[in-house]
Protein backbone atom coordinates (compact mmCIF):
# COMPACT_ATOMS: atom_id res chain seq x y z
CA UNK A 1 -68.82 -28.47 14.42
CA UNK A 2 -65.43 -28.28 12.72
CA UNK A 3 -65.86 -24.53 12.26
CA UNK A 4 -66.46 -24.05 16.00
CA UNK A 5 -63.42 -26.14 16.88
CA UNK A 6 -61.23 -24.24 14.40
CA UNK A 7 -62.53 -20.94 15.75
CA UNK A 8 -61.74 -21.93 19.34
CA UNK A 9 -58.25 -23.07 18.37
CA UNK A 10 -57.64 -19.77 16.54
CA UNK A 11 -58.84 -17.76 19.55
CA UNK A 12 -56.65 -19.79 21.90
CA UNK A 13 -53.58 -19.37 19.70
CA UNK A 14 -54.17 -15.63 19.35
CA UNK A 15 -54.26 -15.25 23.14
CA UNK A 16 -50.87 -16.90 23.43
CA UNK A 17 -49.35 -14.08 21.41
CA UNK A 18 -50.85 -11.17 23.36
CA UNK A 19 -47.94 -9.06 24.59
CA UNK A 20 -47.23 -8.21 28.18
CA UNK A 21 -47.39 -4.52 27.28
CA UNK A 22 -51.07 -5.03 26.44
CA UNK A 23 -51.75 -6.60 29.84
CA UNK A 24 -49.73 -3.86 31.56
CA UNK A 25 -51.83 -1.20 29.85
CA UNK A 26 -55.03 -2.90 31.01
CA UNK A 27 -53.70 -3.01 34.56
CA UNK A 28 -52.56 0.61 34.41
CA UNK A 29 -48.91 -0.18 35.14
CA UNK A 30 -46.95 2.90 34.16
CA UNK A 31 -43.22 2.99 33.40
CA UNK A 32 -42.72 4.84 36.69
CA UNK A 33 -44.38 2.04 38.66
CA UNK A 34 -42.37 -0.56 36.76
CA UNK A 35 -39.17 1.28 37.71
CA UNK A 36 -40.18 1.20 41.38
CA UNK A 37 -40.84 -2.53 41.21
CA UNK A 38 -38.00 -3.69 39.00
CA UNK A 39 -35.07 -5.65 40.36
CA UNK A 40 -32.63 -7.97 38.64
CA UNK A 41 -33.23 -11.50 37.27
CA UNK A 42 -36.73 -10.77 35.89
CA UNK A 43 -38.31 -10.54 39.32
CA UNK A 44 -40.43 -7.56 40.20
CA UNK A 45 -40.86 -6.92 43.89
CA UNK A 46 -40.47 -3.66 45.79
CA UNK A 47 -36.97 -2.38 46.48
CA UNK A 48 -36.07 -1.48 50.06
CA UNK A 49 -33.09 -1.43 52.38
CA UNK A 50 -34.71 -3.73 54.94
CA UNK A 51 -33.70 -7.29 54.07
CA UNK A 52 -36.24 -8.88 56.41
CA UNK A 53 -39.15 -6.98 54.86
CA UNK A 54 -37.83 -7.48 51.33
CA UNK A 55 -37.32 -11.23 51.83
CA UNK A 56 -40.69 -11.73 53.50
CA UNK A 57 -42.37 -9.96 50.56
CA UNK A 58 -40.33 -11.98 48.07
CA UNK A 59 -41.33 -15.22 49.84
CA UNK A 60 -44.99 -14.18 49.71
CA UNK A 61 -44.84 -13.48 45.96
CA UNK A 62 -43.25 -16.88 45.38
CA UNK A 63 -45.85 -18.68 47.51
CA UNK A 64 -48.70 -16.96 45.67
CA UNK A 65 -47.02 -17.77 42.34
CA UNK A 66 -46.76 -14.06 41.49
CA UNK A 67 -42.96 -13.75 41.39
CA UNK A 68 -42.78 -14.58 37.70
CA UNK A 69 -39.76 -16.44 36.41
CA UNK A 70 -36.88 -16.58 38.85
CA UNK A 71 -33.87 -18.86 38.86
CA UNK A 72 -32.09 -17.87 42.06
CA UNK A 73 -33.05 -16.78 45.52
CA UNK A 74 -32.02 -13.13 45.92
CA UNK A 75 -28.54 -13.09 47.45
CA UNK A 76 -29.68 -10.86 50.28
CA UNK A 77 -32.31 -13.48 51.24
CA UNK A 78 -29.99 -16.49 51.63
CA UNK A 79 -29.87 -16.21 55.43
CA UNK A 80 -33.64 -15.60 55.52
CA UNK A 81 -34.24 -18.85 53.60
CA UNK A 82 -31.72 -20.69 55.77
CA UNK A 83 -33.40 -19.52 58.98
CA UNK A 84 -36.83 -20.46 57.61
CA UNK A 85 -35.87 -23.93 56.38
CA UNK A 86 -33.90 -24.82 59.51
CA UNK A 87 -36.46 -23.34 61.88
CA UNK A 88 -39.74 -24.44 63.36
CA UNK A 89 -41.83 -22.62 60.76
CA UNK A 90 -40.72 -24.79 57.79
CA UNK A 91 -41.42 -27.96 59.74
CA UNK A 92 -44.79 -26.60 60.83
CA UNK A 93 -45.65 -25.54 57.25
CA UNK A 94 -44.74 -29.00 55.93
CA UNK A 95 -46.84 -30.64 58.64
CA UNK A 96 -49.83 -28.42 57.88
CA UNK A 97 -49.62 -29.20 54.16
CA UNK A 98 -49.33 -32.93 54.87
CA UNK A 99 -52.28 -32.87 57.27
CA UNK A 100 -54.53 -30.97 54.85
CA UNK A 101 -53.49 -33.19 51.94
CA UNK A 102 -54.27 -36.31 53.93
CA UNK A 103 -57.62 -34.86 55.03
CA UNK A 104 -58.48 -34.22 51.38
CA UNK A 105 -57.30 -37.67 50.31
CA UNK A 106 -59.59 -39.23 52.91
CA UNK A 107 -62.61 -37.56 51.25
CA UNK A 108 -61.94 -39.08 47.82
CA UNK A 109 -64.12 -42.03 46.90
CA UNK A 110 -62.16 -44.73 45.08
CA UNK A 111 -63.84 -47.25 42.83
CA UNK A 112 -61.94 -50.34 44.04
CA UNK A 113 -61.39 -51.45 40.45
CA UNK A 114 -57.64 -50.98 40.70
CA UNK A 115 -57.66 -48.12 38.19
CA UNK A 116 -57.54 -45.19 40.59
CA UNK A 117 -54.25 -43.33 40.82
CA UNK A 118 -52.71 -40.39 42.61
CA UNK A 119 -50.49 -38.04 40.62
CA UNK A 120 -48.10 -35.95 42.71
CA UNK A 121 -46.05 -32.91 41.85
CA UNK A 122 -42.71 -34.32 42.95
CA UNK A 123 -41.10 -30.96 43.79
CA UNK A 124 -41.74 -30.27 47.49
CA UNK A 125 -44.71 -32.65 47.51
CA UNK A 126 -42.98 -35.96 48.05
CA UNK A 127 -39.40 -34.74 48.43
CA UNK A 128 -37.82 -31.99 50.46
CA UNK A 129 -35.60 -29.39 48.83
CA UNK A 130 -33.80 -28.85 52.12
CA UNK A 131 -30.73 -30.98 51.18
CA UNK A 132 -30.40 -29.04 47.91
CA UNK A 133 -30.50 -25.69 49.69
CA UNK A 134 -28.00 -26.86 52.31
CA UNK A 135 -25.59 -27.92 49.54
CA UNK A 136 -26.03 -24.63 47.66
CA UNK A 137 -25.81 -22.28 50.63
CA UNK A 138 -29.55 -21.47 50.65
CA UNK A 139 -29.14 -19.20 47.64
C-alpha cells in the first residue's frame, strides 16, 4: 500500500515539472503560430487592428479560463469593458448566473443536522467588481 501511495506521489510531482515546451510540441504549436498569437503581458490571443473583435475574443478567452495569467485588461479594451459592465448585458449575465445558481441550490438535499455549509468563491460570486473597475478606469 505504501509503495502505491509513494508511486502516485512521485508521478504527481513529476507532472508538475513537465515544461510548457513539451505540451506545445504535443499540441503542434510551432514558433510561427506562437508569434501570430503572442501579445504583451503573457497573454496569447490573436493580434488584429479591430478593437471590437480583439476585445470580444479576449473576453471569451478569459471567460473560458484560457487566457492564461493576466494582470491587466488590455488598454485597448478599457472602453469595451466599460460598455459591457455599464450596459444591459452585464446585468443580464449576472441575473442569469444568479438564477442558475439558485436553481442548482434548490436541488441540493440538506441533512438538517446543522452541519451543511455553502462555500462561495467571493470574487464575482457574492461581490461585484464593478466599483473596482469604475475606480480604475475599467483597465
